Amino acid sequence: MSPVRESVAGATRQCPHCRTTILESAVRCPKCQHHLRFDSGAAARALRTFAPLRVEGTLRHAEGGEGWEYSVLLTIRNERGEEVARQVMGVGALAAGDERTFSLTVEVYKPEGRPTVSPR
């Protein structure tokens, strides 16, 4: 019998270090990067299957002028366009000459023992 519990795909729990909601199957917290589980099969389960979405952009404030404020908002919608989740990820300000780079990556993990389904 395996000491690792089988979990339902998409089941969540809280990271004991940073209290972020993470996947129950996670071996490492995607936010704080702390290891959550040490067992022989952990490394294999921790590998992402693919990253179907990766976006990066840079916001630069023009030289001179007043400061800008910004909010980073993440919205997730289902196949019917209904909002599933909406969260402000961060806020801040840019003074003249300042720059911020924002990255968004969606990582998909293959549940152990199930075949990989390729993205549409």
N, C-alpha and C. Protein backbone atom coordinates (compact mmCIF):
# COMPACT_ATOMS: atom_id res chain seq x y z
N MET A 1 0.83 -1.17 0.00
CA MET A 1 0.00 0.00 0.00
C MET A 1 0.88 1.24 0.00
N SER A 2 0.51 2.22 -0.80
CA SER A 2 1.29 3.45 -0.92
C SER A 2 0.99 4.40 0.25
N PRO A 3 2.03 5.04 0.81
CA PRO A 3 1.80 5.98 1.90
C PRO A 3 1.19 7.29 1.41
N VAL A 4 1.17 7.50 0.09
CA VAL A 4 0.64 8.74 -0.48
C VAL A 4 -0.83 8.57 -0.80
N ARG A 5 -1.67 9.48 -0.32
CA ARG A 5 -3.11 9.43 -0.59
C ARG A 5 -3.39 9.78 -2.04
N GLU A 6 -4.32 9.07 -2.64
CA GLU A 6 -4.81 9.44 -3.95
C GLU A 6 -5.78 10.60 -3.76
N SER A 7 -5.65 11.64 -4.58
CA SER A 7 -6.55 12.77 -4.43
C SER A 7 -7.34 12.97 -5.72
N VAL A 8 -8.45 13.62 -5.59
CA VAL A 8 -9.29 13.95 -6.73
C VAL A 8 -8.63 15.10 -7.48
N ALA A 9 -8.60 15.03 -8.81
CA ALA A 9 -8.00 16.11 -9.61
C ALA A 9 -8.66 17.44 -9.25
N GLY A 10 -7.84 18.43 -8.91
CA GLY A 10 -8.34 19.75 -8.56
C GLY A 10 -8.59 19.97 -7.09
N ALA A 11 -8.44 18.93 -6.27
CA ALA A 11 -8.61 19.09 -4.82
C ALA A 11 -7.53 20.03 -4.29
N THR A 12 -7.89 20.87 -3.31
CA THR A 12 -6.95 21.86 -2.80
C THR A 12 -6.72 21.71 -1.30
N ARG A 13 -5.68 22.38 -0.84
CA ARG A 13 -5.35 22.48 0.58
C ARG A 13 -4.56 23.76 0.77
N GLN A 14 -4.20 24.08 2.01
CA GLN A 14 -3.40 25.26 2.28
C GLN A 14 -1.95 24.88 2.48
N CYS A 15 -1.06 25.70 1.93
CA CYS A 15 0.37 25.51 2.20
C CYS A 15 0.60 25.81 3.68
N PRO A 16 1.29 24.92 4.41
CA PRO A 16 1.51 25.16 5.83
C PRO A 16 2.49 26.31 6.10
N HIS A 17 3.23 26.73 5.08
CA HIS A 17 4.21 27.79 5.26
C HIS A 17 3.63 29.18 5.00
N CYS A 18 2.93 29.35 3.86
CA CYS A 18 2.46 30.69 3.47
C CYS A 18 0.94 30.81 3.44
N ARG A 19 0.23 29.71 3.68
CA ARG A 19 -1.23 29.67 3.74
C ARG A 19 -1.92 29.94 2.40
N THR A 20 -1.20 29.83 1.31
CA THR A 20 -1.80 29.97 -0.02
C THR A 20 -2.55 28.70 -0.36
N THR A 21 -3.67 28.82 -1.06
CA THR A 21 -4.40 27.65 -1.51
C THR A 21 -3.64 27.03 -2.68
N ILE A 22 -3.32 25.74 -2.53
CA ILE A 22 -2.54 25.03 -3.55
C ILE A 22 -3.22 23.70 -3.86
N LEU A 23 -2.76 23.02 -4.91
CA LEU A 23 -3.29 21.71 -5.23
C LEU A 23 -2.87 20.71 -4.16
N GLU A 24 -3.78 19.82 -3.82
CA GLU A 24 -3.50 18.79 -2.82
C GLU A 24 -2.35 17.90 -3.25
N SER A 25 -2.19 17.72 -4.55
CA SER A 25 -1.14 16.85 -5.09
C SER A 25 0.23 17.52 -5.13
N ALA A 26 0.31 18.82 -4.82
CA ALA A 26 1.57 19.56 -4.92
C ALA A 26 2.62 19.00 -3.97
N VAL A 27 3.83 18.89 -4.48
CA VAL A 27 4.96 18.46 -3.68
C VAL A 27 5.74 19.69 -3.21
N ARG A 28 5.60 20.77 -3.97
CA ARG A 28 6.27 22.03 -3.67
C ARG A 28 5.27 23.16 -3.87
N CYS A 29 5.23 24.13 -2.97
CA CYS A 29 4.30 25.25 -3.08
C CYS A 29 4.74 26.17 -4.22
N PRO A 30 3.84 26.49 -5.16
CA PRO A 30 4.23 27.36 -6.26
C PRO A 30 4.49 28.81 -5.82
N LYS A 31 3.97 29.22 -4.66
CA LYS A 31 4.19 30.58 -4.20
C LYS A 31 5.50 30.71 -3.41
N CYS A 32 5.61 29.97 -2.30
CA CYS A 32 6.78 30.14 -1.43
C CYS A 32 7.92 29.18 -1.75
N GLN A 33 7.66 28.19 -2.63
CA GLN A 33 8.66 27.23 -3.09
C GLN A 33 9.14 26.25 -2.01
N HIS A 34 8.48 26.20 -0.86
CA HIS A 34 8.85 25.23 0.17
C HIS A 34 8.42 23.83 -0.25
N HIS A 35 9.22 22.85 0.13
CA HIS A 35 8.85 21.45 -0.10
C HIS A 35 7.76 21.07 0.88
N LEU A 36 6.77 20.32 0.40
CA LEU A 36 5.64 19.95 1.23
C LEU A 36 5.62 18.48 1.57
N ARG A 37 6.31 17.69 0.75
CA ARG A 37 6.26 16.24 0.92
C ARG A 37 7.58 15.66 0.43
N PHE A 38 8.11 14.72 1.17
CA PHE A 38 9.33 14.04 0.77
C PHE A 38 9.04 12.55 0.73
N ASP A 39 8.92 12.00 -0.49
CA ASP A 39 8.75 10.56 -0.63
C ASP A 39 9.35 10.15 -1.96
N SER A 40 9.48 8.88 -2.18
CA SER A 40 10.19 8.37 -3.35
C SER A 40 9.59 8.80 -4.68
N GLY A 41 8.29 8.94 -4.78
CA GLY A 41 7.66 9.32 -6.04
C GLY A 41 7.38 10.80 -6.16
N ALA A 42 7.77 11.59 -5.17
CA ALA A 42 7.44 13.01 -5.15
C ALA A 42 8.01 13.77 -6.34
N ALA A 43 9.24 13.49 -6.69
CA ALA A 43 9.87 14.23 -7.80
C ALA A 43 9.12 14.02 -9.10
N ALA A 44 8.70 12.81 -9.36
CA ALA A 44 7.96 12.52 -10.60
C ALA A 44 6.62 13.24 -10.61
N ARG A 45 5.93 13.27 -9.46
CA ARG A 45 4.63 13.94 -9.40
C ARG A 45 4.76 15.45 -9.49
N ALA A 46 5.92 15.99 -9.12
CA ALA A 46 6.10 17.44 -9.09
C ALA A 46 6.31 18.03 -10.47
N LEU A 47 6.67 17.22 -11.45
CA LEU A 47 6.96 17.74 -12.77
C LEU A 47 5.70 18.12 -13.51
N ARG A 48 5.68 19.34 -14.05
CA ARG A 48 4.50 19.73 -14.81
C ARG A 48 4.50 19.01 -16.14
N THR A 49 3.33 18.73 -16.67
CA THR A 49 3.19 18.04 -17.93
C THR A 49 3.40 19.00 -19.08
N PHE A 50 2.80 20.19 -18.99
CA PHE A 50 3.00 21.22 -20.01
C PHE A 50 2.53 22.56 -19.47
N ALA A 51 2.94 23.63 -20.13
CA ALA A 51 2.53 24.99 -19.77
C ALA A 51 1.87 25.61 -21.01
N PRO A 52 0.55 25.48 -21.12
CA PRO A 52 -0.13 25.93 -22.32
C PRO A 52 -0.26 27.45 -22.45
N LEU A 53 0.01 28.18 -21.38
CA LEU A 53 -0.10 29.64 -21.44
C LEU A 53 1.05 30.27 -20.68
N ARG A 54 1.76 31.17 -21.34
CA ARG A 54 2.84 31.92 -20.72
C ARG A 54 2.85 33.31 -21.36
N VAL A 55 2.62 34.33 -20.53
CA VAL A 55 2.55 35.70 -21.01
C VAL A 55 3.46 36.56 -20.13
N GLU A 56 4.21 37.45 -20.76
CA GLU A 56 5.05 38.37 -20.00
C GLU A 56 4.99 39.74 -20.65
N GLY A 57 4.90 40.76 -19.83
CA GLY A 57 4.85 42.13 -20.35
C GLY A 57 5.51 43.08 -19.39
N THR A 58 5.97 44.20 -19.92
CA THR A 58 6.66 45.21 -19.12
C THR A 58 5.92 46.53 -19.22
N LEU A 59 5.77 47.17 -18.08
CA LEU A 59 5.13 48.48 -17.99
C LEU A 59 6.21 49.48 -17.61
N ARG A 60 6.40 50.48 -18.46
CA ARG A 60 7.42 51.52 -18.21
C ARG A 60 6.74 52.87 -18.08
N HIS A 61 7.10 53.61 -17.06
CA HIS A 61 6.57 54.96 -16.89
C HIS A 61 7.48 55.89 -17.70
N ALA A 62 6.86 56.74 -18.48
CA ALA A 62 7.63 57.70 -19.29
C ALA A 62 8.40 58.65 -18.36
N GLU A 63 9.50 59.13 -18.83
CA GLU A 63 10.27 60.10 -18.05
C GLU A 63 9.41 61.35 -17.84
N GLY A 64 9.39 61.84 -16.62
CA GLY A 64 8.61 63.03 -16.30
C GLY A 64 7.15 62.71 -16.05
N GLY A 65 6.43 63.66 -15.55
CA GLY A 65 5.01 63.46 -15.28
C GLY A 65 4.77 62.89 -13.90
N GLU A 66 3.49 62.76 -13.57
CA GLU A 66 3.10 62.24 -12.27
C GLU A 66 3.23 60.73 -12.21
N GLY A 67 3.23 60.21 -10.99
CA GLY A 67 3.32 58.77 -10.80
C GLY A 67 2.05 58.07 -11.25
N TRP A 68 2.18 56.78 -11.57
CA TRP A 68 1.05 55.95 -11.96
C TRP A 68 0.81 54.93 -10.85
N GLU A 69 -0.44 54.54 -10.68
CA GLU A 69 -0.78 53.44 -9.80
C GLU A 69 -1.26 52.28 -10.67
N TYR A 70 -1.06 51.05 -10.19
CA TYR A 70 -1.52 49.90 -10.96
C TYR A 70 -2.08 48.82 -10.03
N SER A 71 -2.98 48.01 -10.59
CA SER A 71 -3.52 46.84 -9.92
C SER A 71 -3.35 45.66 -10.86
N VAL A 72 -2.88 44.55 -10.36
CA VAL A 72 -2.75 43.32 -11.15
C VAL A 72 -3.96 42.46 -10.79
N LEU A 73 -4.83 42.25 -11.77
CA LEU A 73 -6.08 41.53 -11.56
C LEU A 73 -6.06 40.25 -12.38
N LEU A 74 -6.39 39.13 -11.74
CA LEU A 74 -6.48 37.84 -12.43
C LEU A 74 -7.93 37.39 -12.40
N THR A 75 -8.48 37.10 -13.57
CA THR A 75 -9.85 36.61 -13.68
C THR A 75 -9.82 35.28 -14.42
N ILE A 76 -10.50 34.27 -13.90
CA ILE A 76 -10.59 32.96 -14.53
C ILE A 76 -12.05 32.73 -14.89
N ARG A 77 -12.28 32.32 -16.13
CA ARG A 77 -13.64 32.05 -16.62
C ARG A 77 -13.72 30.61 -17.11
N ASN A 78 -14.92 30.02 -17.00
CA ASN A 78 -15.11 28.66 -17.50
C ASN A 78 -15.49 28.69 -18.98
N GLU A 79 -15.81 27.52 -19.54
CA GLU A 79 -16.11 27.41 -20.96
C GLU A 79 -17.36 28.19 -21.38
N ARG A 80 -18.22 28.55 -20.44
CA ARG A 80 -19.43 29.33 -20.74
C ARG A 80 -19.21 30.83 -20.54
N GLY A 81 -17.99 31.22 -20.18
CA GLY A 81 -17.68 32.62 -19.97
C GLY A 81 -18.05 33.13 -18.59
N GLU A 82 -18.47 32.22 -17.71
CA GLU A 82 -18.84 32.61 -16.35
C GLU A 82 -17.58 32.76 -15.49
N GLU A 83 -17.56 33.79 -14.69
CA GLU A 83 -16.41 34.05 -13.84
C GLU A 83 -16.33 33.00 -12.72
N VAL A 84 -15.22 32.30 -12.67
CA VAL A 84 -14.98 31.27 -11.66
C VAL A 84 -14.20 31.86 -10.48
N ALA A 85 -13.25 32.73 -10.79
CA ALA A 85 -12.43 33.35 -9.74
C ALA A 85 -11.96 34.72 -10.21
N ARG A 86 -11.80 35.60 -9.26
CA ARG A 86 -11.30 36.95 -9.54
C ARG A 86 -10.49 37.37 -8.32
N GLN A 87 -9.25 37.77 -8.56
CA GLN A 87 -8.39 38.10 -7.42
C GLN A 87 -7.40 39.20 -7.81
N VAL A 88 -7.23 40.16 -6.91
CA VAL A 88 -6.20 41.18 -7.08
C VAL A 88 -4.90 40.56 -6.60
N MET A 89 -3.94 40.44 -7.50
CA MET A 89 -2.68 39.78 -7.18
C MET A 89 -1.67 40.74 -6.55
N GLY A 90 -1.81 42.01 -6.85
CA GLY A 90 -0.89 42.98 -6.30
C GLY A 90 -1.24 44.37 -6.77
N VAL A 91 -0.77 45.36 -6.05
CA VAL A 91 -0.95 46.76 -6.41
C VAL A 91 0.38 47.46 -6.20
N GLY A 92 0.52 48.61 -6.81
CA GLY A 92 1.76 49.35 -6.64
C GLY A 92 1.72 50.68 -7.36
N ALA A 93 2.86 51.31 -7.42
CA ALA A 93 2.97 52.61 -8.06
C ALA A 93 4.27 52.67 -8.85
N LEU A 94 4.24 53.45 -9.92
CA LEU A 94 5.43 53.67 -10.75
C LEU A 94 5.72 55.16 -10.77
N ALA A 95 6.91 55.53 -10.41
CA ALA A 95 7.36 56.92 -10.54
C ALA A 95 8.01 57.07 -11.91
N ALA A 96 8.25 58.28 -12.31
CA ALA A 96 8.89 58.54 -13.60
C ALA A 96 10.18 57.73 -13.70
N GLY A 97 10.34 57.01 -14.81
CA GLY A 97 11.53 56.20 -15.04
C GLY A 97 11.46 54.79 -14.47
N ASP A 98 10.43 54.47 -13.67
CA ASP A 98 10.29 53.13 -13.10
C ASP A 98 9.78 52.13 -14.13
N GLU A 99 10.02 50.86 -13.84
CA GLU A 99 9.60 49.78 -14.74
C GLU A 99 9.21 48.56 -13.91
N ARG A 100 8.18 47.84 -14.34
CA ARG A 100 7.78 46.58 -13.71
C ARG A 100 7.53 45.57 -14.82
N THR A 101 7.93 44.33 -14.58
CA THR A 101 7.65 43.23 -15.51
C THR A 101 6.70 42.27 -14.83
N PHE A 102 5.65 41.88 -15.55
CA PHE A 102 4.62 40.99 -15.04
C PHE A 102 4.64 39.71 -15.86
N SER A 103 4.57 38.57 -15.20
CA SER A 103 4.57 37.27 -15.89
C SER A 103 3.38 36.45 -15.39
N LEU A 104 2.75 35.75 -16.30
CA LEU A 104 1.66 34.83 -15.98
C LEU A 104 1.97 33.51 -16.65
N THR A 105 1.98 32.44 -15.88
CA THR A 105 2.20 31.10 -16.43
C THR A 105 1.13 30.18 -15.86
N VAL A 106 0.51 29.42 -16.73
CA VAL A 106 -0.44 28.39 -16.29
C VAL A 106 0.26 27.06 -16.49
N GLU A 107 0.52 26.35 -15.40
CA GLU A 107 1.18 25.05 -15.46
C GLU A 107 0.13 23.96 -15.25
N VAL A 108 0.19 22.93 -16.07
CA VAL A 108 -0.76 21.83 -15.99
C VAL A 108 0.00 20.58 -15.58
N TYR A 109 -0.56 19.83 -14.64
CA TYR A 109 0.07 18.62 -14.12
C TYR A 109 -0.77 17.42 -14.48
N LYS A 110 -0.13 16.37 -14.88
CA LYS A 110 -0.81 15.11 -15.20
C LYS A 110 -1.04 14.35 -13.90
N PRO A 111 -2.29 14.06 -13.57
CA PRO A 111 -2.54 13.25 -12.37
C PRO A 111 -1.86 11.90 -12.53
N GLU A 112 -1.24 11.44 -11.47
CA GLU A 112 -0.50 10.18 -11.49
C GLU A 112 -1.39 9.03 -11.96
N GLY A 113 -0.87 8.27 -12.93
CA GLY A 113 -1.58 7.09 -13.40
C GLY A 113 -2.62 7.36 -14.47
N ARG A 114 -2.76 8.61 -14.89
CA ARG A 114 -3.74 8.91 -15.93
C ARG A 114 -3.00 9.37 -17.18
N PRO A 115 -3.55 9.08 -18.37
CA PRO A 115 -2.89 9.50 -19.60
C PRO A 115 -2.93 11.02 -19.76
N THR A 116 -1.92 11.58 -20.41
CA THR A 116 -1.87 13.00 -20.66
C THR A 116 -2.86 13.37 -21.75
N VAL A 117 -3.64 14.40 -21.51
CA VAL A 117 -4.56 14.92 -22.51
C VAL A 117 -3.91 16.18 -23.06
N SER A 118 -3.68 16.21 -24.36
CA SER A 118 -3.02 17.39 -24.92
C SER A 118 -3.99 18.55 -25.01
N PRO A 119 -3.45 19.80 -24.91
CA PRO A 119 -4.30 20.97 -24.94
C PRO A 119 -4.97 21.14 -26.30
N ARG A 120 -6.10 21.82 -26.29
CA ARG A 120 -6.83 22.05 -27.55
C ARG A 120 -6.11 23.03 -28.42
